[in-house]
């Protein structure tokens, strides 16, 4: 009888983990390539999911509603990602 090790968060059955740095780099490159194709120099993102896709960061959980507003700016030429705070006040 074999004993299976417990699988933790983000672990795969074969023991390999997820290459998050590679995943983030591939996502940014995909967005940058599409910006190039469309002729877009700066991308302003206002949804958390979109900002997370490009920026790869985790938001602090908040128990309040936040308005739609720019949360992330991605500059194609430099690859710079600017994360912005968004509150009512």
Foldseek 3Di string as FASTA:
>chain_A
DDDQDDADPQADRVRDGDPLVVQQVVLQVVVLVVCVVVVHFKDFDFDPVVLCSNVVDDDDDDPDDFDGDGQWMAGNVVRDIDGDDGHPD
